[in-house]
Amino acid sequence: MRFLVHLRRRARARVTLIWDGLGAHHSRITKAHVERQRRWLRTARLPGYAPELNPVEGLWAWLQQRQLANGGDPDLTEITARVHVGVRAGRRRPGLPLGFLAKAGLTLGGDATSSSDPL
């Protein structure tokens, strides 16, 4: 829920949150919090285990090929810094997130990400 609070501060438009089957996403507290955010937040739930449908997997693969490759034996601080640099680099490439969505079979404004999940 802290992530949603953080996201709301930065979101300038409606957001579609694509989430997995983590147990915390099904809790009553989370469901109630998400329900109160319906003015700006939609949800789309992935099947229980389907990494090929998760666009975040594309992001991780891209980061591993770019920022995390050939890094020797970095500590957590260095890995975190590399991920931040990679995400910032990805933001400068507007087609990249759309590519991650397309690889997962999703589109913006299409059937999968525009529907609201009833939780």
C-alpha atoms as a PDB file:
ATOM      1  CA  MET A   1       0.000   0.000   0.000  1.00  0.00           C
ATOM      2  CA  ARG A   2       2.955   2.314   0.585  1.00  0.00           C
ATOM      3  CA  PHE A   3       3.851   1.861  -3.065  1.00  0.00           C
ATOM      4  CA  LEU A   4       0.360   3.008  -4.097  1.00  0.00           C
ATOM      5  CA  VAL A   5       0.651   6.092  -1.883  1.00  0.00           C
ATOM      6  CA  HIS A   6       4.026   6.855  -3.482  1.00  0.00           C
ATOM      7  CA  LEU A   7       2.634   6.217  -6.969  1.00  0.00           C
ATOM      8  CA  ARG A   8      -0.347   8.483  -6.376  1.00  0.00           C
ATOM      9  CA  ARG A   9       1.936  11.377  -5.501  1.00  0.00           C
ATOM     10  CA  ARG A  10       3.631  11.038  -8.879  1.00  0.00           C
ATOM     11  CA  ALA A  11       0.780   9.908 -11.133  1.00  0.00           C
ATOM     12  CA  ARG A  12      -0.574  12.621 -13.370  1.00  0.00           C
ATOM     13  CA  ALA A  13      -3.258  10.436 -14.935  1.00  0.00           C
ATOM     14  CA  ARG A  14      -5.169   7.220 -14.369  1.00  0.00           C
ATOM     15  CA  VAL A  15      -2.937   4.246 -13.653  1.00  0.00           C
ATOM     16  CA  THR A  16      -3.391   0.574 -14.392  1.00  0.00           C
ATOM     17  CA  LEU A  17      -1.600  -1.598 -11.867  1.00  0.00           C
ATOM     18  CA  ILE A  18      -0.719  -5.037 -13.194  1.00  0.00           C
ATOM     19  CA  TRP A  19      -0.036  -7.341 -10.294  1.00  0.00           C
ATOM     20  CA  ASP A  20       0.668 -10.961  -9.622  1.00  0.00           C
ATOM     21  CA  GLY A  21      -0.886 -13.458  -7.255  1.00  0.00           C
ATOM     22  CA  LEU A  22       1.119 -12.512  -4.149  1.00  0.00           C
ATOM     23  CA  GLY A  23      -0.950 -13.275  -1.068  1.00  0.00           C
ATOM     24  CA  ALA A  24      -0.647  -9.711   0.238  1.00  0.00           C
ATOM     25  CA  HIS A  25      -2.517  -8.506  -2.856  1.00  0.00           C
ATOM     26  CA  HIS A  26      -5.541 -10.535  -1.765  1.00  0.00           C
ATOM     27  CA  SER A  27      -5.764  -9.314   1.814  1.00  0.00           C
ATOM     28  CA  ARG A  28      -8.847  -7.462   3.027  1.00  0.00           C
ATOM     29  CA  ILE A  29      -6.752  -4.427   3.929  1.00  0.00           C
ATOM     30  CA  THR A  30      -5.226  -4.236   0.457  1.00  0.00           C
ATOM     31  CA  LYS A  31      -8.573  -4.777  -1.268  1.00  0.00           C
ATOM     32  CA  ALA A  32     -10.172  -2.016   0.795  1.00  0.00           C
ATOM     33  CA  HIS A  33      -7.294   0.367   0.099  1.00  0.00           C
ATOM     34  CA  VAL A  34      -7.391  -0.316  -3.644  1.00  0.00           C
ATOM     35  CA  GLU A  35     -11.161   0.120  -3.696  1.00  0.00           C
ATOM     36  CA  ARG A  36     -10.765   3.601  -2.193  1.00  0.00           C
ATOM     37  CA  GLN A  37      -8.377   4.501  -5.054  1.00  0.00           C
ATOM     38  CA  ARG A  38     -10.768   3.696  -7.914  1.00  0.00           C
ATOM     39  CA  ARG A  39     -10.871   7.352  -9.080  1.00  0.00           C
ATOM     40  CA  TRP A  40      -7.352   7.046 -10.451  1.00  0.00           C
ATOM     41  CA  LEU A  41      -6.394   3.360 -10.157  1.00  0.00           C
ATOM     42  CA  ARG A  42      -7.383   0.311 -12.151  1.00  0.00           C
ATOM     43  CA  THR A  43      -6.040  -3.160 -11.542  1.00  0.00           C
ATOM     44  CA  ALA A  44      -5.349  -6.109 -13.807  1.00  0.00           C
ATOM     45  CA  ARG A  45      -4.333  -9.347 -12.184  1.00  0.00           C
ATOM     46  CA  LEU A  46      -1.964 -11.868 -13.720  1.00  0.00           C
ATOM     47  CA  PRO A  47      -2.603 -15.599 -13.422  1.00  0.00           C
ATOM     48  CA  GLY A  48      -1.037 -17.336 -10.419  1.00  0.00           C
ATOM     49  CA  TYR A  49       2.245 -18.225 -12.097  1.00  0.00           C
ATOM     50  CA  ALA A  50       2.793 -16.808 -15.550  1.00  0.00           C
ATOM     51  CA  PRO A  51       6.110 -14.964 -15.821  1.00  0.00           C
ATOM     52  CA  GLU A  52       5.709 -14.799 -19.598  1.00  0.00           C
ATOM     53  CA  LEU A  53       2.644 -12.573 -19.061  1.00  0.00           C
ATOM     54  CA  ASN A  54       4.394 -10.236 -16.647  1.00  0.00           C
ATOM     55  CA  PRO A  55       5.890  -7.153 -18.344  1.00  0.00           C
ATOM     56  CA  VAL A  56       8.185  -6.624 -15.348  1.00  0.00           C
ATOM     57  CA  GLU A  57      10.019  -9.801 -16.370  1.00  0.00           C
ATOM     58  CA  GLY A  58      10.975  -7.994 -19.586  1.00  0.00           C
ATOM     59  CA  LEU A  59      12.323  -5.086 -17.565  1.00  0.00           C
ATOM     60  CA  TRP A  60      14.426  -7.418 -15.398  1.00  0.00           C
ATOM     61  CA  ALA A  61      15.782  -9.237 -18.459  1.00  0.00           C
ATOM     62  CA  TRP A  62      16.692  -5.902 -20.059  1.00  0.00           C
ATOM     63  CA  LEU A  63      18.398  -4.678 -16.868  1.00  0.00           C
ATOM     64  CA  GLN A  64      20.318  -7.937 -16.532  1.00  0.00           C
ATOM     65  CA  GLN A  65      21.625  -7.606 -20.084  1.00  0.00           C
ATOM     66  CA  ARG A  66      22.579  -3.946 -19.672  1.00  0.00           C
ATOM     67  CA  GLN A  67      23.208  -2.685 -16.161  1.00  0.00           C
ATOM     68  CA  LEU A  68      23.742  -5.915 -14.276  1.00  0.00           C
ATOM     69  CA  ALA A  69      25.888  -7.769 -16.820  1.00  0.00           C
ATOM     70  CA  ASN A  70      29.600  -8.348 -16.218  1.00  0.00           C
ATOM     71  CA  GLY A  71      29.480  -6.806 -12.789  1.00  0.00           C
ATOM     72  CA  GLY A  72      31.687  -9.209 -10.952  1.00  0.00           C
ATOM     73  CA  ASP A  73      30.475  -9.777  -7.418  1.00  0.00           C
ATOM     74  CA  PRO A  74      28.628  -6.570  -6.480  1.00  0.00           C
ATOM     75  CA  ASP A  75      27.081  -5.961  -3.098  1.00  0.00           C
ATOM     76  CA  LEU A  76      23.441  -4.986  -2.628  1.00  0.00           C
ATOM     77  CA  THR A  77      24.233  -1.262  -2.618  1.00  0.00           C
ATOM     78  CA  GLU A  78      25.964  -1.510  -5.994  1.00  0.00           C
ATOM     79  CA  ILE A  79      23.180  -3.652  -7.473  1.00  0.00           C
ATOM     80  CA  THR A  80      20.590  -1.136  -6.264  1.00  0.00           C
ATOM     81  CA  ALA A  81      22.553   1.726  -7.818  1.00  0.00           C
ATOM     82  CA  ARG A  82      22.863  -0.154 -11.115  1.00  0.00           C
ATOM     83  CA  VAL A  83      19.130  -0.889 -11.199  1.00  0.00           C
ATOM     84  CA  HIS A  84      18.339   2.798 -10.578  1.00  0.00           C
ATOM     85  CA  VAL A  85      20.691   3.845 -13.394  1.00  0.00           C
ATOM     86  CA  GLY A  86      19.103   1.273 -15.702  1.00  0.00           C
ATOM     87  CA  VAL A  87      15.556   2.328 -14.899  1.00  0.00           C
ATOM     88  CA  ARG A  88      16.469   5.979 -15.525  1.00  0.00           C
ATOM     89  CA  ALA A  89      18.011   4.976 -18.857  1.00  0.00           C
ATOM     90  CA  GLY A  90      14.851   3.055 -19.710  1.00  0.00           C
ATOM     91  CA  ARG A  91      12.715   6.113 -19.032  1.00  0.00           C
ATOM     92  CA  ARG A  92      14.543   7.922 -21.822  1.00  0.00           C
ATOM     93  CA  ARG A  93      13.424   5.222 -24.254  1.00  0.00           C
ATOM     94  CA  PRO A  94       9.631   5.605 -24.534  1.00  0.00           C
ATOM     95  CA  GLY A  95       9.214   2.511 -26.684  1.00  0.00           C
ATOM     96  CA  LEU A  96      10.845   0.253 -24.120  1.00  0.00           C
ATOM     97  CA  PRO A  97       7.925  -0.116 -21.664  1.00  0.00           C
ATOM     98  CA  LEU A  98       5.564  -0.586 -24.598  1.00  0.00           C
ATOM     99  CA  GLY A  99       7.846  -3.371 -25.812  1.00  0.00           C
ATOM    100  CA  PHE A 100       7.676  -5.063 -22.418  1.00  0.00           C
ATOM    101  CA  LEU A 101       3.880  -4.875 -22.558  1.00  0.00           C
ATOM    102  CA  ALA A 102       3.780  -6.197 -26.135  1.00  0.00           C
ATOM    103  CA  LYS A 103       6.066  -9.122 -25.251  1.00  0.00           C
ATOM    104  CA  ALA A 104       3.593 -10.026 -22.501  1.00  0.00           C
ATOM    105  CA  GLY A 105       0.678  -9.765 -24.945  1.00  0.00           C
ATOM    106  CA  LEU A 106      -0.648  -6.549 -23.397  1.00  0.00           C
ATOM    107  CA  THR A 107      -1.439  -3.131 -24.841  1.00  0.00           C
ATOM    108  CA  LEU A 108      -2.291   0.257 -23.391  1.00  0.00           C
ATOM    109  CA  GLY A 109      -5.927   1.110 -23.812  1.00  0.00           C
ATOM    110  CA  GLY A 110      -6.613  -2.376 -25.115  1.00  0.00           C
ATOM    111  CA  ASP A 111      -8.511  -5.226 -23.595  1.00  0.00           C
ATOM    112  CA  ALA A 112      -6.043  -6.488 -20.983  1.00  0.00           C
ATOM    113  CA  THR A 113      -4.799  -3.325 -19.297  1.00  0.00           C
ATOM    114  CA  SER A 114      -7.917  -1.208 -19.578  1.00  0.00           C
ATOM    115  CA  SER A 115     -10.219  -3.597 -17.789  1.00  0.00           C
ATOM    116  CA  SER A 116     -10.734  -3.248 -14.085  1.00  0.00           C
ATOM    117  CA  ASP A 117     -10.175  -6.312 -11.947  1.00  0.00           C
ATOM    118  CA  PRO A 118     -12.918  -6.756  -9.360  1.00  0.00           C
ATOM    119  CA  LEU A 119     -10.345  -8.113  -6.889  1.00  0.00           C
END
